[in-house]
Amino acid sequence: MNLTRQQVRVRYTGDVQGVGFRYTVRKLATPLGVTGGVENLLDGSVQMVAEATPDTLRLLLTQIHASRLGAHIADEQIAWGPAQGLAGFYYR
């Protein structure tokens, strides 16, 4: 198991605004100890930036798809990188 924190940046497209996407992602991320945030973008997509161990981030991504949000996601672009030391979990 890799305990080194990583960052995942995901841009979700589809019917992802106005469906409680940001609230639900925050609700899923917080108990896992994930830091970062989620926000609506002007083009109608939603972007999540999350930091945790790779296993925890994969679990969060799985939970997002398994939740009611999964039906609203048409596509996602995922980029992995090193953690930047984000604190808390914001949504805007």
Foldseek 3Di string as FASTA:
>chain_A
DFFAKKKKKKKFDFQQPPPCNQVVLLVLQVVLVKFWEKEADPVGIIMTIIMGTPVSVVVSVVVCCVDPNVVGTPDMDMDMGHDPPGDHYYYD
